[in-house]
């Protein structure tokens, strides 16, 4: 089954079931005749930006995010502009300092944008480490960050 089809089914399962664990997704998908691993479900949860919300039966359940139709690039640019402190780079790394609380969202937005220059990101409370594929990609991406900061 293709990823898009599987994620469409996951949305249906969310609307009809109280799903509290990733293993619940695996079991429900198996009942539909779809064999997936917990790791695949984990990637789908991240990709779909599912969140955990309080359940009426106690504990927490998975839910679709409240704002689904977000212009990711616009949100990324605005978040960087609103929280930027400094940027530096070395070798294949771009190190972005931001206001407290902004690191994880910027890291997630960068991941969603799927930039070809980026190998991966790590975001904590007030920093984002962007790991680029090559040193040339580092220079290119640092230029993109500067463009995000200066373009209105």
N, C-alpha and C. Protein backbone atom coordinates (compact mmCIF):
# COMPACT_ATOMS: atom_id res chain seq x y z
N UNK A 1 0.84 -1.19 0.00
CA UNK A 1 0.00 0.00 0.00
C UNK A 1 0.88 1.24 0.00
N UNK A 2 0.49 2.21 -0.76
CA UNK A 2 1.25 3.44 -0.83
C UNK A 2 1.03 4.31 0.40
N UNK A 3 2.02 5.14 0.65
CA UNK A 3 2.02 6.00 1.83
C UNK A 3 0.77 6.87 1.89
N UNK A 4 0.42 7.53 0.80
CA UNK A 4 -0.76 8.42 0.78
C UNK A 4 -2.04 7.66 1.11
N UNK A 5 -2.18 6.47 0.54
CA UNK A 5 -3.37 5.65 0.80
C UNK A 5 -3.41 5.22 2.26
N UNK A 6 -2.25 4.81 2.79
CA UNK A 6 -2.17 4.38 4.18
C UNK A 6 -2.51 5.54 5.11
N UNK A 7 -1.98 6.73 4.81
CA UNK A 7 -2.26 7.88 5.67
C UNK A 7 -3.73 8.31 5.58
N UNK A 8 -4.34 8.13 4.43
CA UNK A 8 -5.77 8.42 4.29
C UNK A 8 -6.57 7.46 5.19
N UNK A 9 -6.17 6.20 5.21
CA UNK A 9 -6.82 5.21 6.06
C UNK A 9 -6.58 5.53 7.55
N UNK A 10 -5.39 5.97 7.88
CA UNK A 10 -5.10 6.36 9.27
C UNK A 10 -6.04 7.49 9.71
N UNK A 11 -6.29 8.45 8.83
CA UNK A 11 -7.23 9.54 9.16
C UNK A 11 -8.62 8.98 9.45
N UNK A 12 -9.06 8.02 8.64
CA UNK A 12 -10.37 7.40 8.87
C UNK A 12 -10.39 6.67 10.21
N UNK A 13 -9.30 5.94 10.50
CA UNK A 13 -9.22 5.21 11.77
C UNK A 13 -9.27 6.18 12.96
N UNK A 14 -8.63 7.33 12.82
CA UNK A 14 -8.64 8.33 13.89
C UNK A 14 -10.06 8.84 14.16
N UNK A 15 -10.83 9.01 13.10
CA UNK A 15 -12.19 9.53 13.25
C UNK A 15 -13.13 8.51 13.87
N UNK A 16 -12.82 7.22 13.75
CA UNK A 16 -13.72 6.17 14.21
C UNK A 16 -13.25 5.42 15.45
N UNK A 17 -12.02 5.70 15.91
CA UNK A 17 -11.45 4.93 17.02
C UNK A 17 -10.73 5.84 18.01
N UNK A 18 -10.62 5.34 19.24
CA UNK A 18 -9.85 6.02 20.28
C UNK A 18 -8.47 5.36 20.29
N UNK A 19 -7.52 5.92 19.54
CA UNK A 19 -6.21 5.30 19.36
C UNK A 19 -5.21 5.97 20.30
N UNK A 20 -4.70 5.17 21.24
CA UNK A 20 -3.81 5.72 22.26
C UNK A 20 -2.35 5.37 22.04
N UNK A 21 -2.06 4.31 21.30
CA UNK A 21 -0.69 3.86 21.12
C UNK A 21 -0.42 3.57 19.64
N UNK A 22 0.84 3.60 19.27
CA UNK A 22 1.21 3.27 17.90
C UNK A 22 0.85 1.82 17.57
N UNK A 23 0.95 0.95 18.57
CA UNK A 23 0.60 -0.44 18.37
C UNK A 23 -0.88 -0.59 18.02
N UNK A 24 -1.73 0.33 18.52
CA UNK A 24 -3.16 0.31 18.17
C UNK A 24 -3.34 0.55 16.68
N UNK A 25 -2.57 1.48 16.13
CA UNK A 25 -2.62 1.72 14.68
C UNK A 25 -2.25 0.45 13.92
N UNK A 26 -1.16 -0.20 14.35
CA UNK A 26 -0.69 -1.41 13.68
C UNK A 26 -1.80 -2.47 13.69
N UNK A 27 -2.43 -2.67 14.84
CA UNK A 27 -3.48 -3.69 14.97
C UNK A 27 -4.69 -3.35 14.10
N UNK A 28 -5.12 -2.10 14.13
CA UNK A 28 -6.28 -1.69 13.32
C UNK A 28 -6.00 -1.80 11.83
N UNK A 29 -4.78 -1.44 11.43
CA UNK A 29 -4.42 -1.57 10.02
C UNK A 29 -4.37 -3.04 9.60
N UNK A 30 -3.89 -3.90 10.50
CA UNK A 30 -3.86 -5.34 10.20
C UNK A 30 -5.27 -5.88 10.00
N UNK A 31 -6.24 -5.38 10.79
CA UNK A 31 -7.64 -5.80 10.63
C UNK A 31 -8.17 -5.40 9.25
N UNK A 32 -7.58 -4.35 8.67
CA UNK A 32 -7.96 -3.91 7.33
C UNK A 32 -7.17 -4.65 6.25
N UNK A 33 -6.31 -5.57 6.68
CA UNK A 33 -5.51 -6.34 5.74
C UNK A 33 -4.22 -5.65 5.32
N UNK A 34 -3.79 -4.68 6.10
CA UNK A 34 -2.57 -3.92 5.77
C UNK A 34 -1.53 -4.21 6.83
N UNK A 35 -0.44 -4.83 6.42
CA UNK A 35 0.64 -5.14 7.35
C UNK A 35 1.67 -4.02 7.34
N UNK A 36 1.84 -3.39 8.49
CA UNK A 36 2.84 -2.34 8.66
C UNK A 36 3.58 -2.57 9.97
N UNK A 37 4.74 -1.97 10.07
CA UNK A 37 5.50 -2.05 11.32
C UNK A 37 5.21 -0.82 12.16
N UNK A 38 5.56 -0.91 13.42
CA UNK A 38 5.41 0.24 14.32
C UNK A 38 6.27 1.39 13.82
N UNK A 39 7.43 1.10 13.25
CA UNK A 39 8.32 2.15 12.74
C UNK A 39 7.66 2.91 11.60
N UNK A 40 6.95 2.21 10.73
CA UNK A 40 6.22 2.86 9.63
C UNK A 40 5.14 3.78 10.19
N UNK A 41 4.40 3.28 11.19
CA UNK A 41 3.36 4.08 11.82
C UNK A 41 3.97 5.32 12.47
N UNK A 42 5.11 5.15 13.11
CA UNK A 42 5.80 6.27 13.75
C UNK A 42 6.14 7.35 12.73
N UNK A 43 6.65 6.94 11.57
CA UNK A 43 6.97 7.90 10.51
C UNK A 43 5.71 8.59 9.99
N UNK A 44 4.62 7.82 9.85
CA UNK A 44 3.36 8.41 9.40
C UNK A 44 2.85 9.44 10.41
N UNK A 45 2.96 9.12 11.69
CA UNK A 45 2.51 10.05 12.74
C UNK A 45 3.27 11.36 12.64
N UNK A 46 4.58 11.27 12.46
CA UNK A 46 5.39 12.48 12.33
C UNK A 46 5.04 13.24 11.06
N UNK A 47 4.93 12.52 9.96
CA UNK A 47 4.62 13.13 8.68
C UNK A 47 3.26 13.81 8.68
N UNK A 48 2.28 13.20 9.34
CA UNK A 48 0.93 13.74 9.39
C UNK A 48 0.75 14.76 10.51
N UNK A 49 1.79 14.93 11.33
CA UNK A 49 1.78 15.87 12.45
C UNK A 49 0.65 15.58 13.44
N UNK A 50 0.43 14.29 13.70
CA UNK A 50 -0.60 13.91 14.66
C UNK A 50 -0.17 14.37 16.05
N UNK A 51 -1.16 14.70 16.86
CA UNK A 51 -0.90 15.16 18.21
C UNK A 51 -1.66 14.27 19.19
N UNK A 52 -1.23 14.29 20.43
CA UNK A 52 -1.95 13.55 21.47
C UNK A 52 -2.79 14.55 22.25
N UNK A 53 -4.05 14.19 22.45
CA UNK A 53 -4.99 15.04 23.18
C UNK A 53 -5.63 14.19 24.27
N UNK A 54 -6.14 14.84 25.33
CA UNK A 54 -6.80 14.05 26.39
C UNK A 54 -7.97 13.24 25.83
N UNK A 55 -8.08 12.01 26.33
CA UNK A 55 -9.14 11.11 25.91
C UNK A 55 -10.26 11.13 26.94
N UNK A 56 -11.50 10.94 26.49
CA UNK A 56 -12.63 10.92 27.42
C UNK A 56 -12.56 9.72 28.36
N UNK A 57 -11.84 8.67 27.94
CA UNK A 57 -11.71 7.47 28.77
C UNK A 57 -10.49 7.53 29.69
N UNK A 58 -9.82 8.66 29.71
CA UNK A 58 -8.59 8.80 30.48
C UNK A 58 -7.39 8.58 29.58
N UNK A 59 -6.25 9.08 29.98
CA UNK A 59 -5.06 8.96 29.16
C UNK A 59 -5.11 9.93 27.98
N UNK A 60 -4.36 9.59 26.94
CA UNK A 60 -4.28 10.46 25.77
C UNK A 60 -4.51 9.63 24.52
N UNK A 61 -5.05 10.28 23.48
CA UNK A 61 -5.30 9.62 22.21
C UNK A 61 -4.71 10.46 21.08
N UNK A 62 -4.45 9.81 19.96
CA UNK A 62 -3.95 10.52 18.79
C UNK A 62 -5.08 11.29 18.11
N UNK A 63 -4.73 12.45 17.56
CA UNK A 63 -5.70 13.28 16.86
C UNK A 63 -5.00 14.02 15.73
N UNK A 64 -5.78 14.42 14.73
CA UNK A 64 -5.24 15.27 13.67
C UNK A 64 -4.96 16.65 14.24
N UNK A 65 -3.97 17.35 13.73
CA UNK A 65 -3.71 18.72 14.22
C UNK A 65 -4.88 19.63 13.88
N UNK A 66 -5.07 20.65 14.69
CA UNK A 66 -6.20 21.56 14.47
C UNK A 66 -6.01 22.40 13.22
N UNK A 67 -4.80 22.81 12.93
CA UNK A 67 -4.52 23.58 11.72
C UNK A 67 -3.81 22.67 10.74
N UNK A 68 -4.52 22.17 9.76
CA UNK A 68 -3.89 21.24 8.84
C UNK A 68 -3.39 21.92 7.57
N UNK A 69 -4.09 22.92 7.10
CA UNK A 69 -3.71 23.55 5.83
C UNK A 69 -2.81 24.76 6.09
N UNK A 70 -1.61 24.46 6.52
CA UNK A 70 -0.65 25.51 6.83
C UNK A 70 0.31 25.67 5.65
N UNK A 71 0.56 26.90 5.26
CA UNK A 71 1.58 27.14 4.25
C UNK A 71 2.92 27.02 4.98
N UNK A 72 3.56 25.87 4.86
CA UNK A 72 4.75 25.56 5.64
C UNK A 72 5.87 26.56 5.42
N UNK A 73 6.11 26.91 4.17
CA UNK A 73 7.21 27.84 3.91
C UNK A 73 6.93 29.20 4.53
N UNK A 74 5.71 29.67 4.40
CA UNK A 74 5.34 30.97 4.99
C UNK A 74 5.50 30.93 6.51
N UNK A 75 5.07 29.82 7.11
CA UNK A 75 5.19 29.69 8.56
C UNK A 75 6.66 29.62 8.98
N UNK A 76 7.48 28.90 8.20
CA UNK A 76 8.90 28.82 8.50
C UNK A 76 9.55 30.20 8.47
N UNK A 77 9.31 30.93 7.39
CA UNK A 77 9.89 32.27 7.25
C UNK A 77 9.45 33.17 8.40
N UNK A 78 8.16 33.16 8.71
CA UNK A 78 7.65 34.02 9.78
C UNK A 78 8.23 33.62 11.14
N UNK A 79 8.35 32.31 11.39
CA UNK A 79 8.88 31.85 12.68
C UNK A 79 10.35 32.23 12.81
N UNK A 80 11.12 32.08 11.73
CA UNK A 80 12.53 32.46 11.78
C UNK A 80 12.65 33.97 12.01
N UNK A 81 11.86 34.75 11.30
CA UNK A 81 11.91 36.21 11.48
C UNK A 81 11.55 36.62 12.91
N UNK A 82 10.53 35.99 13.46
CA UNK A 82 10.05 36.34 14.80
C UNK A 82 11.00 35.92 15.91
N UNK A 83 11.81 34.89 15.67
CA UNK A 83 12.59 34.33 16.77
C UNK A 83 14.10 34.35 16.55
N UNK A 84 14.56 34.88 15.43
CA UNK A 84 15.98 34.84 15.09
C UNK A 84 16.84 35.59 16.10
N UNK A 85 17.96 34.95 16.49
CA UNK A 85 18.97 35.60 17.34
C UNK A 85 20.28 35.70 16.55
N UNK A 86 20.76 34.56 16.03
CA UNK A 86 22.00 34.58 15.24
C UNK A 86 22.12 33.30 14.42
N UNK A 87 23.04 33.34 13.45
CA UNK A 87 23.32 32.16 12.64
C UNK A 87 24.82 32.08 12.42
N UNK A 88 25.33 30.86 12.43
CA UNK A 88 26.75 30.63 12.15
C UNK A 88 26.85 29.31 11.40
N UNK A 89 27.95 29.12 10.73
CA UNK A 89 28.13 27.86 10.00
C UNK A 89 29.58 27.42 10.05
N UNK A 90 29.77 26.12 9.92
CA UNK A 90 31.10 25.52 9.89
C UNK A 90 30.97 24.16 9.21
N UNK A 91 31.86 23.89 8.27
CA UNK A 91 31.85 22.62 7.54
C UNK A 91 30.45 22.36 6.97
N UNK A 92 29.81 21.28 7.40
CA UNK A 92 28.48 20.93 6.89
C UNK A 92 27.35 21.33 7.85
N UNK A 93 27.67 22.20 8.81
CA UNK A 93 26.70 22.55 9.84
C UNK A 93 26.30 24.02 9.76
N UNK A 94 24.98 24.26 9.94
CA UNK A 94 24.47 25.61 10.14
C UNK A 94 23.86 25.59 11.54
N UNK A 95 24.28 26.55 12.37
CA UNK A 95 23.81 26.62 13.75
C UNK A 95 22.97 27.88 13.90
N UNK A 96 21.70 27.69 14.18
CA UNK A 96 20.75 28.78 14.27
C UNK A 96 20.34 28.98 15.72
N UNK A 97 20.59 30.18 16.26
CA UNK A 97 20.12 30.51 17.61
C UNK A 97 18.82 31.28 17.47
N UNK A 98 17.83 30.87 18.27
CA UNK A 98 16.51 31.48 18.21
C UNK A 98 15.99 31.73 19.63
N UNK A 99 14.88 32.42 19.74
CA UNK A 99 14.29 32.67 21.05
C UNK A 99 13.83 31.35 21.68
N UNK A 100 13.82 31.26 23.01
CA UNK A 100 13.40 30.03 23.69
C UNK A 100 12.03 29.55 23.22
N UNK A 101 11.94 28.25 22.98
CA UNK A 101 10.70 27.62 22.56
C UNK A 101 10.56 27.49 21.05
N UNK A 102 11.39 28.15 20.28
CA UNK A 102 11.24 28.16 18.82
C UNK A 102 12.04 27.06 18.11
N UNK A 103 13.04 26.50 18.77
CA UNK A 103 13.90 25.52 18.11
C UNK A 103 13.16 24.31 17.55
N UNK A 104 12.30 23.65 18.35
CA UNK A 104 11.62 22.45 17.83
C UNK A 104 10.72 22.72 16.62
N UNK A 105 9.99 23.82 16.64
CA UNK A 105 9.08 24.10 15.53
C UNK A 105 9.86 24.42 14.26
N UNK A 106 10.96 25.17 14.39
CA UNK A 106 11.77 25.47 13.20
C UNK A 106 12.38 24.20 12.65
N UNK A 107 12.88 23.34 13.52
CA UNK A 107 13.45 22.06 13.08
C UNK A 107 12.39 21.24 12.35
N UNK A 108 11.19 21.17 12.89
CA UNK A 108 10.10 20.43 12.26
C UNK A 108 9.70 21.03 10.91
N UNK A 109 9.61 22.34 10.84
CA UNK A 109 9.25 23.00 9.58
C UNK A 109 10.32 22.77 8.52
N UNK A 110 11.59 22.83 8.92
CA UNK A 110 12.66 22.55 7.96
C UNK A 110 12.55 21.12 7.42
N UNK A 111 12.22 20.19 8.30
CA UNK A 111 12.04 18.80 7.89
C UNK A 111 10.89 18.68 6.88
N UNK A 112 9.78 19.36 7.17
CA UNK A 112 8.61 19.31 6.28
C UNK A 112 8.90 19.92 4.91
N UNK A 113 9.77 20.91 4.88
CA UNK A 113 10.09 21.57 3.61
C UNK A 113 10.92 20.67 2.70
N UNK A 114 11.58 19.69 3.28
CA UNK A 114 12.34 18.71 2.49
C UNK A 114 13.37 19.38 1.57
N UNK A 115 14.13 20.31 2.11
CA UNK A 115 15.17 20.99 1.33
C UNK A 115 16.20 19.97 0.86
N UNK A 116 16.61 20.06 -0.39
CA UNK A 116 17.57 19.10 -0.94
C UNK A 116 18.95 19.24 -0.30
N UNK A 117 19.28 20.40 0.22
CA UNK A 117 20.60 20.62 0.83
C UNK A 117 20.73 19.99 2.22
N UNK A 118 19.58 19.73 2.86
CA UNK A 118 19.61 19.32 4.27
C UNK A 118 19.60 17.81 4.42
N UNK A 119 20.57 17.32 5.19
CA UNK A 119 20.63 15.91 5.57
C UNK A 119 19.70 15.65 6.76
N UNK A 120 19.70 16.57 7.73
CA UNK A 120 18.88 16.41 8.91
C UNK A 120 18.95 17.65 9.79
N UNK A 121 18.04 17.71 10.78
CA UNK A 121 18.04 18.83 11.72
C UNK A 121 17.85 18.29 13.13
N UNK A 122 18.36 19.06 14.09
CA UNK A 122 18.14 18.78 15.50
C UNK A 122 17.75 20.10 16.14
N UNK A 123 16.59 20.13 16.76
CA UNK A 123 16.14 21.36 17.39
C UNK A 123 15.91 21.18 18.87
N UNK A 124 16.49 22.06 19.68
CA UNK A 124 16.15 22.06 21.10
C UNK A 124 15.45 23.38 21.40
N UNK A 125 15.37 23.77 22.65
CA UNK A 125 14.58 24.92 23.04
C UNK A 125 14.91 26.20 22.28
N UNK A 126 16.20 26.53 22.19
CA UNK A 126 16.55 27.82 21.56
C UNK A 126 17.64 27.72 20.50
N UNK A 127 17.88 26.52 19.98
CA UNK A 127 18.85 26.36 18.90
C UNK A 127 18.37 25.31 17.90
N UNK A 128 18.87 25.42 16.68
CA UNK A 128 18.61 24.42 15.66
C UNK A 128 19.95 24.13 14.98
N UNK A 129 20.33 22.86 14.96
CA UNK A 129 21.51 22.43 14.24
C UNK A 129 21.03 21.83 12.93
N UNK A 130 21.45 22.45 11.83
CA UNK A 130 21.07 21.99 10.50
C UNK A 130 22.29 21.32 9.89
N UNK A 131 22.16 20.06 9.56
CA UNK A 131 23.26 19.29 8.99
C UNK A 131 23.03 19.22 7.49
N UNK A 132 23.94 19.82 6.74
CA UNK A 132 23.81 19.84 5.29
C UNK A 132 24.58 18.67 4.67
N UNK A 133 24.27 18.37 3.42
CA UNK A 133 24.89 17.23 2.74
C UNK A 133 26.32 17.52 2.31
N UNK A 134 26.59 18.76 1.91
CA UNK A 134 27.95 19.14 1.49
C UNK A 134 28.26 20.53 2.05
N UNK A 135 29.53 20.91 2.00
CA UNK A 135 29.90 22.26 2.45
C UNK A 135 29.30 23.31 1.53
N UNK A 136 29.18 23.00 0.25
CA UNK A 136 28.54 23.94 -0.68
C UNK A 136 27.07 24.12 -0.32
N UNK A 137 26.42 23.03 0.09
CA UNK A 137 25.02 23.12 0.53
C UNK A 137 24.90 24.00 1.78
N UNK A 138 25.90 23.93 2.65
CA UNK A 138 25.90 24.76 3.85
C UNK A 138 25.88 26.23 3.48
N UNK A 139 26.75 26.62 2.56
CA UNK A 139 26.79 28.02 2.12
C UNK A 139 25.48 28.43 1.45
N UNK A 140 24.95 27.54 0.62
CA UNK A 140 23.70 27.81 -0.07
C UNK A 140 22.55 27.98 0.93
N UNK A 141 22.47 27.08 1.90
CA UNK A 141 21.36 27.15 2.84
C UNK A 141 21.48 28.34 3.78
N UNK A 142 22.70 28.66 4.16
CA UNK A 142 22.88 29.86 5.00
C UNK A 142 22.40 31.09 4.23
N UNK A 143 22.65 31.13 2.92
CA UNK A 143 22.14 32.20 2.07
C UNK A 143 20.62 32.23 2.06
N UNK A 144 19.99 31.06 2.06
CA UNK A 144 18.53 31.00 2.11
C UNK A 144 18.00 31.58 3.42
N UNK A 145 18.68 31.27 4.52
CA UNK A 145 18.25 31.82 5.81
C UNK A 145 18.37 33.34 5.78
N UNK A 146 19.47 33.85 5.25
CA UNK A 146 19.63 35.31 5.14
C UNK A 146 18.52 35.92 4.28
N UNK A 147 18.13 35.22 3.21
CA UNK A 147 17.06 35.70 2.36
C UNK A 147 15.72 35.72 3.11
N UNK A 148 15.49 34.70 3.92
CA UNK A 148 14.25 34.65 4.73
C UNK A 148 14.18 35.84 5.67
N UNK A 149 15.34 36.22 6.20
CA UNK A 149 15.37 37.33 7.16
C UNK A 149 15.19 38.69 6.50
N UNK A 150 15.62 38.81 5.25
CA UNK A 150 15.60 40.13 4.62
C UNK A 150 14.42 40.36 3.70
N UNK A 151 13.75 39.31 3.23
CA UNK A 151 12.66 39.47 2.28
C UNK A 151 11.37 39.79 3.03
N UNK A 152 10.67 40.74 2.52
CA UNK A 152 9.37 41.09 3.13
C UNK A 152 8.25 40.54 2.31
